[in-house]
Amino acid sequence: MDDEEECEMEDHDPAIPRVPAIRIPRVDFGSFAICEVCLKDVFETVTLTRPN
């Protein structure tokens, strides 16, 4: 099976493989693919920088 998504994040760490990634639908611009590592990084950034 060769239909795995590839991570589309601009700041993806080159040391980490871009697959597997999951496709996330977006209302504003279609969809994008993100791997688990980038998703975790984004989640932690949002969680840590959220105003109280």
N, C-alpha and C. Protein backbone atom coordinates (compact mmCIF):
# COMPACT_ATOMS: atom_id res chain seq x y z
N MET A 1 0.84 -1.18 0.00
CA MET A 1 0.00 0.00 0.00
C MET A 1 0.89 1.25 0.00
N ASP A 2 0.76 2.06 -1.03
CA ASP A 2 1.65 3.20 -1.19
C ASP A 2 0.90 4.53 -1.15
N ASP A 3 -0.23 4.54 -0.42
CA ASP A 3 -1.02 5.77 -0.38
C ASP A 3 -0.91 6.49 0.96
N GLU A 4 0.24 6.31 1.63
CA GLU A 4 0.44 7.00 2.91
C GLU A 4 0.62 8.49 2.68
N GLU A 5 0.05 9.27 3.60
CA GLU A 5 0.20 10.72 3.53
C GLU A 5 1.60 11.10 3.98
N GLU A 6 2.09 12.22 3.45
CA GLU A 6 3.39 12.75 3.83
C GLU A 6 3.19 14.08 4.56
N CYS A 7 3.89 14.28 5.67
CA CYS A 7 3.74 15.49 6.47
C CYS A 7 4.04 16.73 5.63
N GLU A 8 3.17 17.74 5.73
CA GLU A 8 3.32 18.96 4.94
C GLU A 8 3.72 20.17 5.79
N MET A 9 4.09 19.94 7.04
CA MET A 9 4.47 21.06 7.91
C MET A 9 5.79 21.66 7.44
N GLU A 10 5.86 23.00 7.40
CA GLU A 10 7.07 23.69 6.91
C GLU A 10 8.26 23.49 7.85
N ASP A 11 7.99 23.43 9.16
CA ASP A 11 9.10 23.29 10.11
C ASP A 11 9.31 21.85 10.56
N HIS A 12 8.97 20.90 9.67
CA HIS A 12 9.17 19.48 9.98
C HIS A 12 10.66 19.18 10.17
N ASP A 13 10.98 18.46 11.23
CA ASP A 13 12.37 18.10 11.52
C ASP A 13 12.89 17.13 10.45
N PRO A 14 13.95 17.48 9.73
CA PRO A 14 14.47 16.61 8.67
C PRO A 14 14.93 15.24 9.18
N ALA A 15 15.22 15.13 10.45
CA ALA A 15 15.66 13.84 11.01
C ALA A 15 14.51 12.87 11.20
N ILE A 16 13.29 13.35 11.08
CA ILE A 16 12.11 12.51 11.29
C ILE A 16 11.47 12.22 9.93
N PRO A 17 11.09 10.95 9.71
CA PRO A 17 10.42 10.64 8.44
C PRO A 17 9.09 11.40 8.31
N ARG A 18 8.75 11.79 7.09
CA ARG A 18 7.52 12.54 6.86
C ARG A 18 6.29 11.64 6.77
N VAL A 19 6.49 10.34 6.85
CA VAL A 19 5.36 9.40 6.84
C VAL A 19 5.44 8.52 8.08
N PRO A 20 4.38 8.01 8.65
CA PRO A 20 3.01 8.27 8.19
C PRO A 20 2.49 9.59 8.74
N ALA A 21 1.56 10.17 8.03
CA ALA A 21 0.90 11.41 8.47
C ALA A 21 -0.59 11.23 8.30
N ILE A 22 -1.35 12.06 8.96
CA ILE A 22 -2.80 12.01 8.81
C ILE A 22 -3.27 13.28 8.11
N ARG A 23 -4.30 13.15 7.29
CA ARG A 23 -4.84 14.30 6.58
C ARG A 23 -5.93 14.91 7.43
N ILE A 24 -5.83 16.22 7.65
CA ILE A 24 -6.78 16.94 8.48
C ILE A 24 -7.54 17.92 7.60
N PRO A 25 -8.87 17.79 7.55
CA PRO A 25 -9.65 18.73 6.73
C PRO A 25 -9.70 20.11 7.38
N ARG A 26 -9.65 21.14 6.55
CA ARG A 26 -9.73 22.51 7.06
C ARG A 26 -10.83 23.25 6.31
N VAL A 27 -11.58 24.06 7.00
CA VAL A 27 -12.65 24.81 6.37
C VAL A 27 -12.08 25.89 5.46
N ASP A 28 -10.99 26.53 5.90
CA ASP A 28 -10.46 27.68 5.18
C ASP A 28 -9.65 27.36 3.93
N PHE A 29 -8.87 26.28 3.94
CA PHE A 29 -8.05 26.02 2.74
C PHE A 29 -7.92 24.54 2.40
N GLY A 30 -9.02 23.83 2.39
CA GLY A 30 -8.96 22.43 2.00
C GLY A 30 -8.49 21.54 3.12
N SER A 31 -7.31 20.95 2.97
CA SER A 31 -6.80 20.07 4.01
C SER A 31 -5.28 20.07 3.99
N PHE A 32 -4.69 19.52 5.05
CA PHE A 32 -3.24 19.37 5.08
C PHE A 32 -2.89 18.09 5.81
N ALA A 33 -1.68 17.61 5.57
CA ALA A 33 -1.23 16.39 6.24
C ALA A 33 -0.20 16.76 7.30
N ILE A 34 -0.28 16.08 8.44
CA ILE A 34 0.65 16.34 9.53
C ILE A 34 1.01 15.02 10.20
N CYS A 35 2.30 14.85 10.52
CA CYS A 35 2.71 13.61 11.18
C CYS A 35 2.52 13.75 12.68
N GLU A 36 2.59 12.63 13.37
CA GLU A 36 2.33 12.60 14.81
C GLU A 36 3.28 13.50 15.60
N VAL A 37 4.56 13.53 15.20
CA VAL A 37 5.55 14.33 15.92
C VAL A 37 5.24 15.82 15.79
N CYS A 38 4.94 16.28 14.57
CA CYS A 38 4.60 17.69 14.37
C CYS A 38 3.30 18.04 15.09
N LEU A 39 2.33 17.13 15.04
CA LEU A 39 1.06 17.37 15.71
C LEU A 39 1.28 17.54 17.21
N LYS A 40 2.13 16.71 17.78
CA LYS A 40 2.45 16.79 19.21
C LYS A 40 3.13 18.14 19.51
N ASP A 41 4.08 18.54 18.66
CA ASP A 41 4.77 19.82 18.84
C ASP A 41 3.79 21.00 18.78
N VAL A 42 2.88 20.97 17.82
CA VAL A 42 1.89 22.03 17.68
C VAL A 42 0.99 22.06 18.91
N PHE A 43 0.55 20.89 19.32
CA PHE A 43 -0.34 20.81 20.49
C PHE A 43 0.34 21.36 21.74
N GLU A 44 1.60 20.98 21.95
CA GLU A 44 2.33 21.46 23.12
C GLU A 44 2.55 22.97 23.06
N THR A 45 2.85 23.48 21.88
CA THR A 45 3.06 24.92 21.71
C THR A 45 1.78 25.68 22.04
N VAL A 46 0.66 25.20 21.50
CA VAL A 46 -0.62 25.87 21.75
C VAL A 46 -0.98 25.78 23.24
N THR A 47 -0.77 24.63 23.84
CA THR A 47 -1.11 24.43 25.24
C THR A 47 -0.24 25.30 26.15
N LEU A 48 1.05 25.39 25.84
CA LEU A 48 1.96 26.15 26.69
C LEU A 48 1.85 27.66 26.51
N THR A 49 1.38 28.10 25.35
CA THR A 49 1.32 29.54 25.09
C THR A 49 -0.10 30.10 25.19
N ARG A 50 -1.04 29.28 25.59
CA ARG A 50 -2.44 29.72 25.70
C ARG A 50 -2.57 30.71 26.86
N PRO A 51 -3.22 31.84 26.64
CA PRO A 51 -3.39 32.80 27.74
C PRO A 51 -4.34 32.25 28.79
N ASN A 52 -4.10 32.58 30.05
CA ASN A 52 -4.94 32.06 31.13
C ASN A 52 -6.18 32.91 31.32
